[in-house]
Protein backbone atom coordinates (compact mmCIF):
# COMPACT_ATOMS: atom_id res chain seq x y z
CA MET A 1 74.46 16.77 80.48
CA ASN A 2 72.82 14.75 77.71
CA PHE A 3 69.29 13.75 78.74
CA ALA A 4 69.48 10.49 76.77
CA LEU A 5 72.61 9.55 78.71
CA ILE A 6 70.83 10.25 81.99
CA GLN A 7 67.93 8.03 80.96
CA ALA A 8 70.25 5.23 79.86
CA SER A 9 72.20 5.36 83.13
CA MET A 10 69.23 5.40 85.50
CA THR A 11 68.44 2.44 87.71
CA ASP A 12 64.98 0.90 87.97
CA GLY A 13 64.67 2.49 91.40
CA GLU A 14 65.42 5.92 89.98
CA ARG A 15 62.78 5.47 87.27
CA MET A 16 60.29 4.53 89.96
CA LEU A 17 61.29 7.65 91.89
CA VAL A 18 60.52 9.89 88.90
CA ASN A 19 57.09 8.30 88.49
CA HIS A 20 56.45 8.58 92.23
CA CYS A 21 57.31 12.29 92.28
CA ARG A 22 55.09 12.87 89.27
CA GLU A 23 52.28 11.29 91.25
CA LEU A 24 53.09 13.50 94.25
CA TYR A 25 52.84 16.54 91.98
CA LYS A 26 49.44 15.40 90.72
CA ARG A 27 48.22 14.95 94.29
CA ALA A 28 49.31 18.48 95.13
CA GLY A 29 47.35 19.67 92.11
CA ASN A 30 44.32 18.15 93.81
CA SER A 31 45.04 20.17 96.99
CA VAL A 32 46.93 17.40 98.82
CA PRO A 33 50.43 18.44 100.02
CA SER A 34 52.76 15.52 99.31
CA PHE A 35 56.38 14.69 100.07
CA SER A 36 59.03 12.15 99.11
CA ARG A 37 61.70 10.53 101.24
CA TYR A 38 65.12 12.17 101.54
CA LEU A 39 66.88 12.29 98.19
CA SER A 40 70.58 12.16 97.31
CA PRO A 41 72.14 14.87 95.09
CA ARG A 42 72.05 12.43 92.16
CA GLU A 43 68.34 11.79 92.65
CA GLN A 44 67.69 15.52 92.87
CA TYR A 45 69.60 16.05 89.62
CA ILE A 46 67.42 13.42 87.93
CA LEU A 47 64.24 15.19 89.04
CA LYS A 48 65.57 18.44 87.62
CA ALA A 49 66.42 16.73 84.33
CA PHE A 50 62.84 15.45 84.09
CA GLY A 51 61.38 18.92 84.64
CA LEU A 52 59.99 18.25 88.11
CA LEU A 53 61.94 21.15 89.63
CA PRO A 54 61.36 24.25 87.51
CA THR A 55 62.89 27.54 88.59
CA LEU A 56 60.67 29.09 91.25
CA SER A 57 59.34 32.56 90.55
CA VAL A 58 56.86 34.41 92.73
CA ASP A 59 55.33 35.84 89.55
CA THR A 60 54.41 32.45 88.06
CA LEU A 61 53.89 30.05 90.99
CA ALA A 62 50.17 30.74 91.36
CA ASP A 63 49.63 30.04 87.65
CA ASN A 64 50.53 26.36 88.07
CA ASP A 65 48.40 23.57 89.52
CA ALA A 66 51.12 22.71 92.03
CA ILE A 67 54.55 23.78 93.28
CA GLY A 68 57.49 21.36 93.25
CA PHE A 69 60.69 22.15 95.14
CA LEU A 70 63.41 20.64 97.33
CA TRP A 71 63.77 21.23 101.06
CA GLY A 72 66.12 19.62 103.57
CA GLY A 73 65.40 21.71 106.65
CA PHE A 74 67.59 24.70 105.80
CA ASP A 75 68.84 26.57 102.75
CA GLY A 76 71.79 24.73 101.23
CA ALA A 77 70.95 21.25 102.50
CA GLU A 78 72.62 18.54 100.43
CA ARG A 79 70.06 15.82 101.10
CA ALA A 80 66.52 17.05 100.59
CA VAL A 81 62.88 16.03 100.29
CA TYR A 82 60.85 16.60 97.13
CA CYS A 83 57.93 18.77 98.24
CA ALA A 84 54.78 19.12 96.14
CA LEU A 85 52.38 21.77 97.41
CA PRO A 86 49.05 23.06 96.06
CA SER A 87 49.45 26.32 94.16
CA TYR A 88 47.61 28.31 96.82
CA TYR A 89 50.73 28.08 98.98
CA ALA A 90 52.20 30.71 96.66
CA TYR A 91 50.09 33.30 98.45
CA SER A 92 52.15 32.68 101.60
CA LEU A 93 55.01 34.50 99.87
CA GLY A 94 53.23 37.81 100.35
CA ASP A 95 53.44 41.00 98.32
CA THR A 96 56.71 40.95 96.39
CA THR A 97 56.53 44.65 95.60
CA ASN A 98 57.82 45.65 99.04
CA ASP A 99 61.52 44.84 99.29
CA ASP A 100 61.57 45.86 102.94
CA ASP A 101 59.27 43.04 103.99
CA VAL A 102 59.54 40.23 101.47
CA GLY A 103 62.48 37.98 100.82
CA PHE A 104 64.54 39.05 103.83
CA SER A 105 64.72 38.37 107.53
CA ALA A 106 66.18 40.52 110.26
CA TYR A 107 69.88 40.13 111.01
CA SER A 108 71.29 41.18 114.33
CA GLU A 109 74.86 41.91 115.40
CA ASN A 110 74.62 38.90 117.72
CA ASN A 111 74.05 36.45 114.87
CA SER A 112 75.77 33.23 115.92
CA THR A 113 78.23 31.21 113.85
CA PHE A 114 77.96 27.49 113.35
CA ALA A 115 80.89 25.26 112.38
CA ALA A 116 79.82 22.11 110.59
CA GLN A 117 80.98 19.29 108.38
CA SER A 118 79.26 18.74 105.06
CA ASP A 119 77.04 15.75 104.43
CA ARG A 120 78.87 13.92 101.68
CA SER A 121 79.76 10.41 102.67
CA ALA A 122 79.68 9.47 99.00
CA ASN A 123 82.16 10.33 96.24
CA GLY A 124 84.71 13.07 96.33
CA GLY A 125 84.87 14.99 99.59
CA SER A 126 86.41 14.10 102.89
CA ASP A 127 84.18 13.12 105.79
CA ASP A 128 86.48 14.96 108.19
CA SER A 129 86.46 18.37 106.55
CA THR A 130 84.77 21.31 108.24
CA ASP A 131 82.23 23.69 106.75
CA THR A 132 81.62 27.01 108.47
CA PRO A 133 78.58 29.12 107.66
CA SER A 134 79.50 32.60 106.55
CA ILE A 135 78.07 35.56 108.43
CA PRO A 136 77.11 38.31 105.97
CA PRO A 137 77.56 42.03 106.59
CA ARG A 138 75.26 43.52 109.17
CA GLY A 139 71.87 44.11 107.62
CA ARG A 140 69.37 41.60 106.23
CA LEU A 141 69.65 37.93 105.30
CA PRO A 142 68.10 36.78 102.03
CA VAL A 143 65.23 34.33 102.50
CA SER A 144 64.74 31.84 99.70
CA ILE A 145 61.36 31.07 98.15
CA GLU A 146 61.88 27.46 99.24
CA SER A 147 62.32 28.42 102.88
CA LYS A 148 59.17 30.56 102.84
CA LEU A 149 57.13 27.76 101.25
CA ALA A 150 58.51 25.28 103.79
CA ALA A 151 57.58 27.64 106.63
CA ALA A 152 54.03 27.81 105.29
CA ALA A 153 53.90 23.99 105.25
CA THR A 154 55.48 23.47 108.68
CA ASP A 155 52.71 21.23 110.00
CA GLU A 156 52.72 19.04 106.89
CA LEU A 157 56.52 18.73 106.90
CA GLU A 158 56.76 17.79 110.58
CA LYS A 159 56.61 14.05 109.95
CA ILE A 160 59.22 14.29 107.22
CA ILE A 161 61.77 16.71 108.63
CA GLN A 162 62.66 16.79 112.30
CA ILE A 163 65.84 18.10 113.87
CA LEU A 164 67.80 16.30 116.56
CA ARG A 165 70.70 17.67 118.53
CA ILE A 166 73.32 15.06 119.39
CA ASP A 167 75.64 16.28 122.15
CA ALA A 168 78.93 14.40 122.28
CA GLY A 169 80.78 13.59 125.49
CA GLY A 170 84.01 15.09 124.22
CA PHE A 171 86.17 12.03 124.85
CA ALA A 172 86.72 11.28 121.16
CA HIS A 173 86.88 13.19 117.90
CA LEU A 174 83.74 12.19 116.01
CA THR A 175 83.40 12.59 112.26
CA HIS A 176 80.40 12.61 109.95
CA ARG A 177 81.17 8.97 109.15
CA ASP A 178 81.07 8.07 112.85
CA TYR A 179 77.63 9.63 113.31
CA LEU A 180 76.20 8.12 110.13
CA GLY A 181 77.57 4.66 110.90
CA SER A 182 76.15 4.56 114.42
CA ILE A 183 72.74 5.82 113.28
CA THR A 184 72.38 3.39 110.37
CA ALA A 185 73.54 0.58 112.69
CA LEU A 186 70.21 1.07 114.49
CA GLY A 187 68.52 -0.25 111.34
CA ILE A 188 67.54 3.17 109.99
CA ASP A 189 67.56 3.43 106.21
CA ARG A 190 69.54 6.27 104.64
CA SER A 191 66.38 7.50 102.92
CA LYS A 192 65.03 8.49 106.35
CA LEU A 193 68.05 10.69 107.05
CA GLY A 194 68.93 14.14 105.80
CA ASP A 195 72.10 16.12 106.45
CA ILE A 196 74.31 15.63 109.49
CA LEU A 197 76.01 18.89 110.48
CA VAL A 198 78.95 18.20 112.78
CA ASP A 199 80.48 20.80 115.09
CA ASP A 200 82.92 20.70 118.00
CA GLY A 201 80.24 19.81 120.55
CA GLY A 202 78.24 17.28 118.57
CA ALA A 203 75.94 17.38 115.57
CA TYR A 204 72.57 18.43 114.21
CA LEU A 205 70.69 15.66 112.43
CA PHE A 206 67.76 16.11 110.04
CA CYS A 207 65.56 13.02 109.80
CA SER A 208 62.02 11.66 109.54
CA GLU A 209 59.71 11.47 112.55
CA ALA A 210 60.00 7.67 112.74
CA ALA A 211 63.79 7.82 112.62
CA ALA A 212 63.84 10.56 115.26
CA GLU A 213 61.84 8.48 117.73
CA LEU A 214 64.16 5.49 117.35
CA ILE A 215 67.31 7.59 117.64
CA LEU A 216 66.00 9.37 120.74
CA TYR A 217 65.46 6.07 122.55
CA GLU A 218 68.31 3.96 121.18
CA LEU A 219 71.34 6.11 120.41
CA ARG A 220 73.59 6.26 123.47
CA THR A 221 77.11 5.96 122.08
CA ILE A 222 78.95 6.87 118.91
CA GLY A 223 82.25 5.09 118.62
CA ARG A 224 83.73 5.17 122.10
CA ASP A 225 81.99 8.39 123.08
CA GLY A 226 78.74 8.67 125.01
CA VAL A 227 76.12 10.99 123.51
CA LYS A 228 72.84 12.63 124.51
CA VAL A 229 70.06 13.22 122.00
CA LYS A 230 67.17 15.68 122.09
CA LYS A 231 64.70 17.27 119.69
CA THR A 232 65.49 20.85 118.80
CA THR A 233 64.93 23.65 116.31
CA LEU A 234 67.39 25.84 114.47
CA PRO A 235 67.85 29.43 115.64
CA ASP A 236 66.11 32.05 113.51
CA ASP A 237 69.46 33.49 112.44
CA PHE A 238 70.91 30.14 111.36
CA ILE A 239 72.74 30.31 108.03
CA TYR A 240 74.86 27.56 106.56
CA ASN A 241 77.31 27.84 103.70
CA ARG A 242 79.54 24.98 102.69
CA SER A 243 83.26 25.61 102.66
CA PHE A 244 84.94 25.65 99.26
CA ALA A 245 88.42 26.31 97.93
CA ASP A 246 88.50 28.50 94.83
CA GLU A 247 90.16 26.96 91.78
CA SER A 248 91.16 28.51 88.47
CA GLY A 249 93.06 27.41 85.39
CA THR A 250 92.96 27.21 81.61
CA ILE A 251 91.94 24.43 79.23
CA ALA A 252 92.17 24.09 75.46
CA SER A 253 88.56 23.01 74.91
CA PRO A 254 85.36 22.41 76.91
CA ARG A 255 85.91 18.66 77.12
CA LEU A 256 85.67 16.44 80.16
CA ASP A 257 89.22 15.06 79.86
CA ALA A 258 90.58 18.61 79.68
CA ILE A 259 88.87 19.74 82.88
CA VAL A 260 89.77 16.53 84.72
CA SER A 261 93.40 17.04 83.73
CA GLU A 262 93.30 20.57 85.14
CA LEU A 263 91.41 19.82 88.35
CA ALA A 264 93.09 16.51 89.22
CA HIS A 265 96.59 17.75 88.29
CA VAL A 266 97.25 14.91 85.86
CA SER A 267 98.10 14.65 82.17
CA ARG A 268 95.42 14.58 79.52
CA GLU A 269 96.15 10.90 78.84
CA ARG A 270 95.87 10.05 82.53
CA ALA A 271 92.58 11.93 82.67
CA LYS A 272 91.26 9.78 79.81
CA GLU A 273 92.37 6.67 81.69
CA LEU A 274 90.55 7.78 84.85
CA ILE A 275 87.38 8.35 82.84
CA SER A 276 87.62 4.96 81.12
CA ARG A 277 88.07 3.25 84.50
CA GLY A 278 84.90 4.82 85.90
CA LEU A 279 86.73 7.08 88.36
CA VAL A 280 85.13 10.30 87.12
CA GLU A 281 81.53 11.45 87.47
CA GLN A 282 79.80 14.32 85.74
CA ASN A 283 76.71 15.51 87.59
CA TYR A 284 76.66 12.34 89.72
CA PHE A 285 76.72 9.98 86.72
CA ALA A 286 79.72 7.92 85.64
CA ALA A 287 81.41 9.80 82.81
CA ALA A 288 80.74 8.10 79.48
CA SER A 289 83.38 9.64 77.25
CA PRO A 290 86.54 11.79 77.50
CA ASP A 291 85.14 14.15 74.86
CA ALA A 292 81.89 14.80 76.75
CA GLU A 293 81.10 18.52 76.75
CA ILE A 294 81.27 20.37 80.05
CA SER A 295 79.13 23.34 81.04
CA GLU A 296 78.96 25.96 83.75
CA GLY A 297 77.23 24.52 86.81
CA ASP A 298 78.46 20.97 86.21
CA VAL A 299 79.58 18.96 89.24
CA ILE A 300 82.74 16.96 88.49
CA THR A 301 83.82 14.23 90.90
CA VAL A 302 87.25 12.60 90.70
CA LYS A 303 87.57 9.50 92.84
CA ARG A 304 90.66 8.43 94.73
CA ASP A 305 93.52 6.86 92.80
CA SER A 306 97.29 6.83 93.08
CA GLY A 307 98.89 10.14 92.14
CA VAL A 308 95.53 11.82 91.57
CA ARG A 309 94.14 14.90 93.28
CA ASN A 310 90.66 13.64 94.03
CA GLY A 311 87.69 15.73 95.01
CA LYS A 312 84.32 17.15 94.08
CA PHE A 313 84.24 20.35 92.05
CA ILE A 314 81.58 22.80 90.86
CA LEU A 315 82.32 24.59 87.58
CA ASP A 316 81.36 28.22 88.07
CA SER A 317 82.49 29.78 84.79
CA ILE A 318 84.12 28.86 81.48
CA THR A 319 85.17 31.94 79.50
CA PRO A 320 87.54 32.60 76.56
CA SER A 321 90.89 34.17 77.35
CA ARG A 322 91.63 37.32 75.37
CA ARG A 323 95.35 36.63 75.35
CA SER A 324 95.93 32.92 74.82
CA GLY A 325 92.77 31.82 73.08
CA ARG A 326 92.30 29.12 75.71
CA LEU A 327 89.35 28.83 78.07
CA VAL A 328 89.61 30.19 81.60
CA VAL A 329 87.86 27.94 84.10
CA ARG A 330 86.82 28.98 87.59
CA ALA A 331 85.62 26.30 89.96
CA ARG A 332 85.09 25.50 93.61
CA ARG A 333 86.40 22.40 95.35
CA TYR A 334 84.49 20.97 98.29
CA GLN A 335 86.56 21.20 101.47
């Protein structure tokens, strides 16, 4: 996405966030681990656009003054904290030459599953949809660089990321929206809250230490259902993958109106209308033009409107077709 467009579309608060995270990075360069509040996907995208989240590589981390990365309490978290650590934390990653010890954790046959709803109360997805972590073949689970850095900074992160278990009474079907509404009704700002992972028995909540204390003492009901709250930790074998539906189709050119037409199941003219009305986002920013170029990795959000298939989509690949000369698009739609 065009960097100039991102800059032009940013709010004053988002500009302040960029400057704040730059300052956090400088502090880390002076051996002071530093952390932001919880950030939305849009805010995270902005930090990436401004170069504050370079690709992590164990071969180059120690060469920098500091390490900047996102962490929300588990791999795949949608809401995350910007973490800036001194470069010496890179040594916690160990010797990368031994594939048997580095980058993987043990996986047992008794690895438990965890059904959860994704944290996306904003545009696109449904609050009631269920995400189920996939359990990989028996063997070893990949461990991300981010998770290893976060483990090394556990004490520093404790005030920023705590995990609460909210057990529901079972008398009502509670959605992500129900949990979020009841928690924010306590006066807790969204910036203090990370993901809410909902399952059949309740939910896991990631939040700041201050928010956790208030929720522990004040949250007794959600909707019409009584709940119990306690501090907890995630099991060592916890793995969470969001649920997606695979999408595929063809488009004539790599333009935004073309992909919206394909994904939303509308005509090209209707797609242009949706874009002009502000009902389409590209990488969390309101789409500026129907002829905007799309790229692999883009996140396209189509908001609700009559006769439109709304949703949030990730573009995985855009490749030429050998037969038709059109472009074959493969994408995933948030469930």
